[in-house]
């Protein structure tokens, strides 16, 4: 019986943090003896090609990966929803459901699964409940919140955030069930470091 089933958006590496975080967390929990399955929504043919090596590595660690088949790759999990739901129904009942990211059809799928099977639910929003994310496509997000997002958030047993700042941006009723687990880092000290001539370039959001 899988201990954890993680629901997430496309595992396409072009989406950066979320798919990489899901992959890394799954590996760590697997290394600690907790069987894990991943359900990924919104994968196009090209997205599946880009994530092929990572999925092969996960499978080698006995981490089962179920992916949808979408016409186009997208971070919202659109496409192949019904077919994926049928495949999920064949999985053994887990002890815990974890929803990664919020604004994705994977959230709806994981939420319905947890309700139908009476499984504990945890949500790891990866910053998607921040004020910054709330402003993007805000009208669509208001509709989604009214339809099912708020129900999923309120029914969650825990909400896992990575910092005090992320917790401070949650509504008070959600902050009460928030647990802060910072991102980990490999602290192995190399025996030697080769000098590199050149410049370091950073690409990212300039924000708190």
Protein backbone atom coordinates (compact mmCIF):
# COMPACT_ATOMS: atom_id res chain seq x y z
CA UNK A 1 0.00 0.00 0.00
CA UNK A 2 1.47 3.41 -0.94
CA UNK A 3 2.02 5.56 2.12
CA UNK A 4 1.72 8.82 0.15
CA UNK A 5 0.17 9.87 -3.16
CA UNK A 6 1.33 13.29 -4.38
CA UNK A 7 -0.84 15.24 -6.83
CA UNK A 8 0.90 17.86 -8.92
CA UNK A 9 0.98 19.74 -12.22
CA UNK A 10 3.01 18.62 -15.24
CA UNK A 11 6.43 17.21 -14.31
CA UNK A 12 7.87 19.23 -17.19
CA UNK A 13 11.27 20.63 -16.05
CA UNK A 14 10.55 23.94 -17.79
CA UNK A 15 8.21 24.74 -14.88
CA UNK A 16 11.14 24.70 -12.47
CA UNK A 17 10.49 24.66 -8.74
CA UNK A 18 7.29 22.66 -8.28
CA UNK A 19 8.08 19.57 -10.40
CA UNK A 20 11.66 19.54 -9.14
CA UNK A 21 10.48 19.89 -5.54
CA UNK A 22 7.94 17.08 -5.91
CA UNK A 23 10.61 14.83 -7.40
CA UNK A 24 13.15 15.58 -4.67
CA UNK A 25 10.67 15.18 -1.81
CA UNK A 26 9.43 11.89 -3.25
CA UNK A 27 13.00 10.56 -3.42
CA UNK A 28 13.67 11.55 0.19
CA UNK A 29 10.48 9.97 1.55
CA UNK A 30 11.20 6.84 -0.48
CA UNK A 31 14.75 6.69 0.95
CA UNK A 32 13.19 6.77 4.41
CA UNK A 33 11.03 3.75 3.70
CA UNK A 34 7.76 5.51 2.81
CA UNK A 35 6.34 4.25 -0.46
CA UNK A 36 5.28 7.11 -2.72
CA UNK A 37 3.25 7.54 -5.90
CA UNK A 38 3.02 10.71 -8.01
CA UNK A 39 -0.02 11.80 -10.03
CA UNK A 40 0.91 14.47 -12.57
CA UNK A 41 -1.66 16.42 -14.64
CA UNK A 42 -1.27 18.45 -17.83
CA UNK A 43 1.56 16.58 -19.58
CA UNK A 44 1.83 16.92 -23.34
CA UNK A 45 3.88 14.59 -25.53
CA UNK A 46 6.81 17.05 -25.50
CA UNK A 47 6.55 17.48 -21.73
CA UNK A 48 6.69 13.70 -21.24
CA UNK A 49 9.76 13.58 -23.48
CA UNK A 50 11.50 16.28 -21.41
CA UNK A 51 10.71 14.50 -18.11
CA UNK A 52 11.52 11.00 -19.38
CA UNK A 53 14.91 10.61 -17.64
CA UNK A 54 13.59 11.96 -14.32
CA UNK A 55 10.56 9.66 -14.42
CA UNK A 56 12.85 6.71 -15.19
CA UNK A 57 14.95 7.60 -12.13
CA UNK A 58 11.82 7.80 -9.96
CA UNK A 59 10.61 4.44 -11.26
CA UNK A 60 14.01 2.92 -10.45
CA UNK A 61 13.40 3.98 -6.85
CA UNK A 62 10.00 2.25 -6.96
CA UNK A 63 8.16 5.57 -7.08
CA UNK A 64 5.16 5.04 -9.34
CA UNK A 65 4.40 8.00 -11.63
CA UNK A 66 0.97 8.38 -13.27
CA UNK A 67 0.83 11.07 -15.94
CA UNK A 68 -2.00 12.56 -17.96
CA UNK A 69 -1.94 12.93 -21.74
CA UNK A 70 -2.72 16.53 -22.71
CA UNK A 71 -2.70 18.21 -26.13
CA UNK A 72 -0.40 20.92 -24.78
CA UNK A 73 1.85 21.16 -21.75
CA UNK A 74 0.52 23.49 -19.07
CA UNK A 75 1.05 24.19 -15.34
CA UNK A 76 -2.72 24.06 -14.68
CA UNK A 77 -3.12 20.33 -15.23
CA UNK A 78 -5.55 20.72 -18.15
CA UNK A 79 -6.01 17.66 -20.33
CA UNK A 80 -6.40 13.92 -19.92
CA UNK A 81 -8.33 14.42 -16.70
CA UNK A 82 -10.87 11.57 -17.07
CA UNK A 83 -8.37 8.97 -18.25
CA UNK A 84 -6.05 9.81 -15.37
CA UNK A 85 -8.90 9.59 -12.87
CA UNK A 86 -9.67 6.05 -14.05
CA UNK A 87 -6.04 5.01 -13.55
CA UNK A 88 -5.98 6.55 -10.07
CA UNK A 89 -9.06 4.56 -9.08
CA UNK A 90 -6.98 1.39 -9.52
CA UNK A 91 -4.36 2.49 -6.95
CA UNK A 92 -4.41 1.06 -3.46
CA UNK A 93 -5.68 3.39 -0.76
CA UNK A 94 -2.81 5.47 0.72
CA UNK A 95 -2.35 6.83 4.22
CA UNK A 96 -1.87 10.42 3.05
CA UNK A 97 -2.68 12.61 0.05
CA UNK A 98 -0.42 15.61 -0.62
CA UNK A 99 -1.48 18.36 -3.03
CA UNK A 100 1.42 20.30 -4.53
CA UNK A 101 0.68 23.76 -5.91
CA UNK A 102 -2.91 25.03 -5.78
CA UNK A 103 -4.02 26.44 -9.12
CA UNK A 104 -4.15 23.13 -10.96
CA UNK A 105 -6.75 20.51 -11.83
CA UNK A 106 -4.52 18.14 -9.85
CA UNK A 107 -5.81 19.95 -6.74
CA UNK A 108 -9.40 19.08 -7.62
CA UNK A 109 -8.49 15.50 -8.49
CA UNK A 110 -6.53 14.94 -5.26
CA UNK A 111 -9.18 16.63 -3.14
CA UNK A 112 -11.97 14.45 -4.57
CA UNK A 113 -9.84 11.34 -4.10
CA UNK A 114 -9.19 12.19 -0.43
CA UNK A 115 -12.89 12.79 0.20
CA UNK A 116 -14.09 9.65 -1.55
CA UNK A 117 -11.51 7.40 0.11
CA UNK A 118 -11.50 9.20 3.48
CA UNK A 119 -7.75 9.79 3.42
CA UNK A 120 -5.89 12.51 5.36
CA UNK A 121 -4.99 15.53 3.24
CA UNK A 122 -1.98 17.84 3.32
CA UNK A 123 -1.36 20.78 1.01
CA UNK A 124 2.03 22.17 0.03
CA UNK A 125 1.25 25.36 -1.94
CA UNK A 126 4.85 26.16 -3.00
CA UNK A 127 4.09 29.86 -2.61
CA UNK A 128 0.97 29.73 -4.81
CA UNK A 129 -1.18 31.26 -2.03
CA UNK A 130 1.03 34.35 -1.83
CA UNK A 131 -0.29 37.81 -2.69
CA UNK A 132 1.90 37.76 -5.83
CA UNK A 133 0.17 34.66 -7.19
CA UNK A 134 -3.29 35.85 -6.17
CA UNK A 135 -2.94 38.85 -8.50
CA UNK A 136 -2.22 36.73 -11.58
CA UNK A 137 -5.42 35.64 -13.41
CA UNK A 138 -7.29 36.79 -10.31
CA UNK A 139 -10.81 36.53 -11.81
CA UNK A 140 -10.33 32.89 -12.83
CA UNK A 141 -8.81 32.13 -9.43
CA UNK A 142 -11.79 33.69 -7.64
CA UNK A 143 -14.13 31.36 -9.53
CA UNK A 144 -11.91 28.33 -8.82
CA UNK A 145 -11.71 29.30 -5.14
CA UNK A 146 -15.49 29.48 -4.91
CA UNK A 147 -15.98 26.15 -6.70
CA UNK A 148 -13.46 23.91 -4.94
CA UNK A 149 -10.18 25.51 -3.82
CA UNK A 150 -11.58 26.90 -0.57
CA UNK A 151 -13.20 23.54 0.24
CA UNK A 152 -9.88 21.77 -0.34
CA UNK A 153 -7.96 24.24 1.82
CA UNK A 154 -10.45 24.06 4.67
CA UNK A 155 -10.60 20.26 4.62
CA UNK A 156 -6.80 19.87 4.69
CA UNK A 157 -5.35 18.45 7.89
CA UNK A 158 -2.14 20.41 7.40
CA UNK A 159 -0.73 23.11 5.13
CA UNK A 160 3.03 22.88 4.68
CA UNK A 161 4.86 26.17 4.03
CA UNK A 162 8.57 26.80 3.71
CA UNK A 163 9.00 30.03 5.67
CA UNK A 164 7.43 32.37 8.20
CA UNK A 165 6.80 34.87 5.42
CA UNK A 166 4.80 32.34 3.40
CA UNK A 167 2.79 31.52 6.52
CA UNK A 168 2.13 35.21 7.21
CA UNK A 169 0.45 35.56 3.80
CA UNK A 170 -2.11 32.86 4.59
CA UNK A 171 -5.57 33.73 5.87
CA UNK A 172 -5.78 33.37 9.65
CA UNK A 173 -7.99 30.26 9.45
CA UNK A 174 -5.37 28.59 7.23
CA UNK A 175 -2.36 29.83 9.18
CA UNK A 176 -3.64 27.94 12.24
CA UNK A 177 -2.99 24.61 10.53
CA UNK A 178 0.22 25.64 8.77
CA UNK A 179 3.48 23.84 9.49
CA UNK A 180 6.80 25.45 8.53
CA UNK A 181 9.28 23.03 6.95
CA UNK A 182 12.11 24.98 5.28
CA UNK A 183 13.65 23.85 2.03
CA UNK A 184 16.59 21.53 2.59
CA UNK A 185 20.06 21.87 1.14
CA UNK A 186 22.98 19.56 0.51
CA UNK A 187 25.58 20.67 3.04
CA UNK A 188 28.27 18.23 1.92
CA UNK A 189 31.57 20.12 1.82
CA UNK A 190 33.63 19.26 -1.28
CA UNK A 191 37.26 18.31 -0.78
CA UNK A 192 38.35 20.79 -3.41
CA UNK A 193 36.82 23.53 -5.50
CA UNK A 194 38.08 24.39 -8.95
CA UNK A 195 38.40 28.06 -9.72
CA UNK A 196 35.97 29.19 -12.41
CA UNK A 197 36.69 32.28 -14.48
CA UNK A 198 33.61 34.17 -15.59
CA UNK A 199 30.46 35.70 -14.24
CA UNK A 200 27.57 34.36 -12.21
CA UNK A 201 24.15 35.15 -13.66
CA UNK A 202 20.94 35.00 -11.62
CA UNK A 203 17.52 34.78 -13.26
CA UNK A 204 14.49 34.99 -10.99
CA UNK A 205 11.92 37.15 -9.20
CA UNK A 206 13.23 40.02 -7.10
CA UNK A 207 10.88 39.73 -4.12
CA UNK A 208 10.90 39.03 -0.40
